Amino acid sequence: MNIPKFLAVHDMAEPISVEEAAAMGRKVRDLTTQEVRWISTWVQLTEEGLIRRIYCCWESPDAESIRKILSDVQFPLEGVYPMAEVDPSTL
C-alpha cells in the first residue's frame, strides 16, 4: 500500500536555534504513530546559523492528522501540502 506523503512548512516568526528546534522536534516525535510518521526534515539557516524555515516530510493518511500533532505542541505551521518525491536519475 502506498501511504500519502506531505510536506509541512514551518516559518519561524523569528529565527530559532538548533537546540530550540530540537526541543520542539522531540515533542512532535513523541506524538507520532505508525500511521502518522515524520520521515525527514530540512532547514533553511540564516547566516548566523539560526533556523528561519523548516520543511518536514511526513507519511499520513491525511493532512489533518499532521496538523493536529503540530497544533498539540504549538509548533508554528505555514501549511501542510501533498507531495511526491522525484528521483532525477529516472527522468
N, C-alpha and C. Protein backbone atom coordinates (compact mmCIF):
# COMPACT_ATOMS: atom_id res chain seq x y z
N MET A 1 0.84 -1.18 0.00
CA MET A 1 0.00 0.00 0.00
C MET A 1 0.88 1.25 0.00
N ASN A 2 0.52 2.22 -0.82
CA ASN A 2 1.28 3.46 -0.93
C ASN A 2 0.68 4.51 0.01
N ILE A 3 1.43 4.89 1.03
CA ILE A 3 0.95 5.87 2.01
C ILE A 3 1.21 7.27 1.47
N PRO A 4 0.20 8.16 1.52
CA PRO A 4 0.40 9.53 1.03
C PRO A 4 1.51 10.25 1.80
N LYS A 5 2.24 11.10 1.08
CA LYS A 5 3.30 11.92 1.69
C LYS A 5 2.87 13.37 1.67
N PHE A 6 3.33 14.10 2.69
CA PHE A 6 3.01 15.51 2.84
C PHE A 6 4.26 16.28 3.23
N LEU A 7 4.28 17.55 2.86
CA LEU A 7 5.35 18.46 3.25
C LEU A 7 4.75 19.49 4.20
N ALA A 8 5.27 19.52 5.43
CA ALA A 8 4.86 20.53 6.40
C ALA A 8 5.90 21.65 6.37
N VAL A 9 5.44 22.88 6.18
CA VAL A 9 6.33 24.03 6.10
C VAL A 9 6.12 24.89 7.34
N HIS A 10 7.23 25.16 8.03
CA HIS A 10 7.20 25.93 9.27
C HIS A 10 8.01 27.20 9.08
N ASP A 11 7.35 28.35 9.07
CA ASP A 11 8.04 29.64 9.03
C ASP A 11 8.17 30.15 10.46
N MET A 12 9.38 30.38 10.90
CA MET A 12 9.61 30.89 12.24
C MET A 12 9.41 32.42 12.24
N ALA A 13 8.64 32.94 13.18
CA ALA A 13 8.43 34.38 13.28
C ALA A 13 9.78 35.08 13.46
N GLU A 14 10.61 34.50 14.28
CA GLU A 14 11.99 34.94 14.50
C GLU A 14 12.87 33.70 14.38
N PRO A 15 14.06 33.85 13.83
CA PRO A 15 14.95 32.67 13.73
C PRO A 15 15.17 32.04 15.11
N ILE A 16 15.25 30.71 15.13
CA ILE A 16 15.46 29.98 16.38
C ILE A 16 16.73 29.16 16.28
N SER A 17 17.25 28.77 17.45
CA SER A 17 18.48 27.97 17.49
C SER A 17 18.16 26.51 17.15
N VAL A 18 19.18 25.78 16.79
CA VAL A 18 19.03 24.35 16.52
C VAL A 18 18.52 23.66 17.78
N GLU A 19 18.99 24.08 18.94
CA GLU A 19 18.57 23.47 20.20
C GLU A 19 17.08 23.69 20.45
N GLU A 20 16.59 24.90 20.17
CA GLU A 20 15.16 25.17 20.34
C GLU A 20 14.33 24.30 19.40
N ALA A 21 14.78 24.19 18.16
CA ALA A 21 14.06 23.37 17.19
C ALA A 21 14.08 21.90 17.60
N ALA A 22 15.21 21.44 18.12
CA ALA A 22 15.32 20.04 18.55
C ALA A 22 14.35 19.75 19.70
N ALA A 23 14.20 20.69 20.63
CA ALA A 23 13.27 20.50 21.75
C ALA A 23 11.83 20.38 21.24
N MET A 24 11.46 21.24 20.28
CA MET A 24 10.12 21.15 19.70
C MET A 24 9.98 19.84 18.91
N GLY A 25 11.02 19.46 18.20
CA GLY A 25 11.00 18.23 17.41
C GLY A 25 10.80 16.99 18.27
N ARG A 26 11.41 16.96 19.45
CA ARG A 26 11.22 15.81 20.34
C ARG A 26 9.76 15.69 20.76
N LYS A 27 9.11 16.82 21.02
CA LYS A 27 7.68 16.81 21.39
C LYS A 27 6.84 16.27 20.24
N VAL A 28 7.16 16.70 19.03
CA VAL A 28 6.43 16.22 17.85
C VAL A 28 6.67 14.72 17.68
N ARG A 29 7.91 14.30 17.76
CA ARG A 29 8.26 12.88 17.59
C ARG A 29 7.49 12.00 18.58
N ASP A 30 7.34 12.47 19.80
CA ASP A 30 6.66 11.68 20.82
C ASP A 30 5.17 11.48 20.54
N LEU A 31 4.60 12.31 19.66
CA LEU A 31 3.17 12.20 19.33
C LEU A 31 2.91 11.44 18.03
N THR A 32 3.97 11.09 17.31
CA THR A 32 3.77 10.37 16.06
C THR A 32 3.32 8.94 16.33
N THR A 33 2.70 8.34 15.33
CA THR A 33 2.19 6.97 15.45
C THR A 33 2.68 6.17 14.25
N GLN A 34 2.29 4.91 14.17
CA GLN A 34 2.65 4.12 13.00
C GLN A 34 1.94 4.63 11.76
N GLU A 35 0.76 5.21 11.91
CA GLU A 35 0.01 5.74 10.77
C GLU A 35 0.48 7.12 10.35
N VAL A 36 0.90 7.93 11.31
CA VAL A 36 1.31 9.32 11.04
C VAL A 36 2.79 9.41 11.42
N ARG A 37 3.65 9.34 10.39
CA ARG A 37 5.10 9.25 10.61
C ARG A 37 5.83 10.46 10.06
N TRP A 38 6.70 11.02 10.89
CA TRP A 38 7.60 12.10 10.50
C TRP A 38 8.82 11.40 9.90
N ILE A 39 9.09 11.67 8.62
CA ILE A 39 10.12 10.94 7.88
C ILE A 39 11.48 11.65 7.90
N SER A 40 11.49 12.93 7.54
CA SER A 40 12.76 13.66 7.46
C SER A 40 12.51 15.16 7.49
N THR A 41 13.59 15.91 7.67
CA THR A 41 13.49 17.37 7.80
C THR A 41 14.68 18.05 7.14
N TRP A 42 14.41 19.19 6.53
CA TRP A 42 15.43 20.10 6.02
C TRP A 42 15.18 21.45 6.65
N VAL A 43 16.24 22.20 6.90
CA VAL A 43 16.08 23.53 7.49
C VAL A 43 16.79 24.58 6.65
N GLN A 44 16.22 25.78 6.64
CA GLN A 44 16.85 26.94 6.00
C GLN A 44 17.49 27.73 7.11
N LEU A 45 18.79 27.95 7.01
CA LEU A 45 19.55 28.65 8.05
C LEU A 45 19.82 30.10 7.66
N THR A 46 19.93 30.93 8.68
CA THR A 46 20.40 32.30 8.47
C THR A 46 21.92 32.26 8.40
N GLU A 47 22.53 33.39 8.07
CA GLU A 47 24.00 33.46 8.05
C GLU A 47 24.60 33.20 9.42
N GLU A 48 23.81 33.43 10.47
CA GLU A 48 24.27 33.21 11.85
C GLU A 48 24.08 31.76 12.30
N GLY A 49 23.50 30.92 11.44
CA GLY A 49 23.29 29.52 11.79
C GLY A 49 21.99 29.25 12.54
N LEU A 50 21.09 30.24 12.57
CA LEU A 50 19.79 30.05 13.20
C LEU A 50 18.80 29.55 12.15
N ILE A 51 17.74 28.93 12.61
CA ILE A 51 16.75 28.35 11.70
C ILE A 51 15.66 29.36 11.39
N ARG A 52 15.45 29.62 10.12
CA ARG A 52 14.43 30.57 9.63
C ARG A 52 13.17 29.80 9.18
N ARG A 53 13.38 28.66 8.52
CA ARG A 53 12.25 27.90 7.98
C ARG A 53 12.60 26.41 8.07
N ILE A 54 11.56 25.60 8.32
CA ILE A 54 11.74 24.15 8.44
C ILE A 54 10.77 23.46 7.48
N TYR A 55 11.28 22.43 6.79
CA TYR A 55 10.48 21.63 5.86
C TYR A 55 10.52 20.18 6.34
N CYS A 56 9.36 19.60 6.63
CA CYS A 56 9.30 18.23 7.14
C CYS A 56 8.48 17.35 6.22
N CYS A 57 9.04 16.19 5.89
CA CYS A 57 8.34 15.19 5.09
C CYS A 57 7.63 14.24 6.05
N TRP A 58 6.35 14.00 5.77
CA TRP A 58 5.51 13.12 6.59
C TRP A 58 4.84 12.07 5.72
N GLU A 59 4.52 10.94 6.31
CA GLU A 59 3.61 9.95 5.73
C GLU A 59 2.40 9.91 6.64
N SER A 60 1.22 10.03 6.04
CA SER A 60 -0.01 10.09 6.84
C SER A 60 -1.20 9.81 5.93
N PRO A 61 -2.28 9.26 6.50
CA PRO A 61 -3.47 9.07 5.69
C PRO A 61 -4.07 10.40 5.21
N ASP A 62 -3.82 11.49 5.98
CA ASP A 62 -4.38 12.79 5.63
C ASP A 62 -3.57 13.91 6.28
N ALA A 63 -3.73 15.12 5.74
CA ALA A 63 -3.00 16.28 6.25
C ALA A 63 -3.48 16.70 7.63
N GLU A 64 -4.77 16.50 7.91
CA GLU A 64 -5.33 16.93 9.19
C GLU A 64 -4.67 16.23 10.38
N SER A 65 -4.30 14.98 10.22
CA SER A 65 -3.63 14.25 11.31
C SER A 65 -2.29 14.89 11.65
N ILE A 66 -1.59 15.36 10.65
CA ILE A 66 -0.31 16.05 10.86
C ILE A 66 -0.56 17.39 11.54
N ARG A 67 -1.54 18.15 11.03
CA ARG A 67 -1.87 19.45 11.63
C ARG A 67 -2.20 19.31 13.12
N LYS A 68 -2.92 18.25 13.47
CA LYS A 68 -3.31 18.03 14.87
C LYS A 68 -2.08 17.85 15.75
N ILE A 69 -1.15 17.01 15.32
CA ILE A 69 0.07 16.79 16.11
C ILE A 69 0.82 18.10 16.29
N LEU A 70 0.99 18.85 15.21
CA LEU A 70 1.75 20.10 15.28
C LEU A 70 1.03 21.14 16.13
N SER A 71 -0.29 21.15 16.07
CA SER A 71 -1.08 22.06 16.89
C SER A 71 -0.96 21.70 18.37
N ASP A 72 -0.96 20.41 18.68
CA ASP A 72 -0.87 19.96 20.07
C ASP A 72 0.41 20.43 20.74
N VAL A 73 1.50 20.58 19.98
CA VAL A 73 2.76 21.04 20.56
C VAL A 73 3.04 22.51 20.25
N GLN A 74 2.06 23.17 19.65
CA GLN A 74 2.15 24.60 19.30
C GLN A 74 3.38 24.90 18.44
N PHE A 75 3.60 24.04 17.45
CA PHE A 75 4.70 24.23 16.51
C PHE A 75 4.21 25.16 15.41
N PRO A 76 4.93 26.26 15.13
CA PRO A 76 4.50 27.17 14.05
C PRO A 76 4.31 26.41 12.74
N LEU A 77 3.24 26.73 12.03
CA LEU A 77 2.95 26.00 10.80
C LEU A 77 2.41 26.95 9.75
N GLU A 78 3.08 26.97 8.59
CA GLU A 78 2.60 27.76 7.45
C GLU A 78 1.58 26.94 6.66
N GLY A 79 1.83 25.62 6.54
CA GLY A 79 0.88 24.78 5.83
C GLY A 79 1.38 23.35 5.69
N VAL A 80 0.45 22.46 5.32
CA VAL A 80 0.75 21.05 5.06
C VAL A 80 0.27 20.76 3.64
N TYR A 81 1.17 20.26 2.79
CA TYR A 81 0.89 20.11 1.37
C TYR A 81 1.16 18.68 0.88
N PRO A 82 0.30 18.14 0.02
CA PRO A 82 0.60 16.84 -0.59
C PRO A 82 1.91 16.95 -1.38
N MET A 83 2.70 15.88 -1.38
CA MET A 83 3.97 15.92 -2.09
C MET A 83 4.28 14.58 -2.71
N ALA A 84 5.24 14.59 -3.60
CA ALA A 84 5.78 13.37 -4.20
C ALA A 84 7.28 13.56 -4.34
N GLU A 85 8.02 12.49 -4.24
CA GLU A 85 9.46 12.53 -4.44
C GLU A 85 9.77 12.26 -5.90
N VAL A 86 10.78 12.96 -6.41
CA VAL A 86 11.20 12.76 -7.79
C VAL A 86 12.68 12.35 -7.77
N ASP A 87 12.97 11.22 -8.37
CA ASP A 87 14.35 10.75 -8.47
C ASP A 87 14.89 11.24 -9.81
N PRO A 88 15.86 12.19 -9.80
CA PRO A 88 16.37 12.73 -11.05
C PRO A 88 16.95 11.68 -11.99
N SER A 89 17.42 10.57 -11.43
CA SER A 89 18.02 9.54 -12.29
C SER A 89 16.99 8.82 -13.15
N THR A 90 15.71 8.96 -12.81
CA THR A 90 14.68 8.28 -13.59
C THR A 90 14.01 9.18 -14.61
N LEU A 91 14.44 10.44 -14.70
CA LEU A 91 13.83 11.38 -15.66
C LEU A 91 14.33 11.14 -17.07
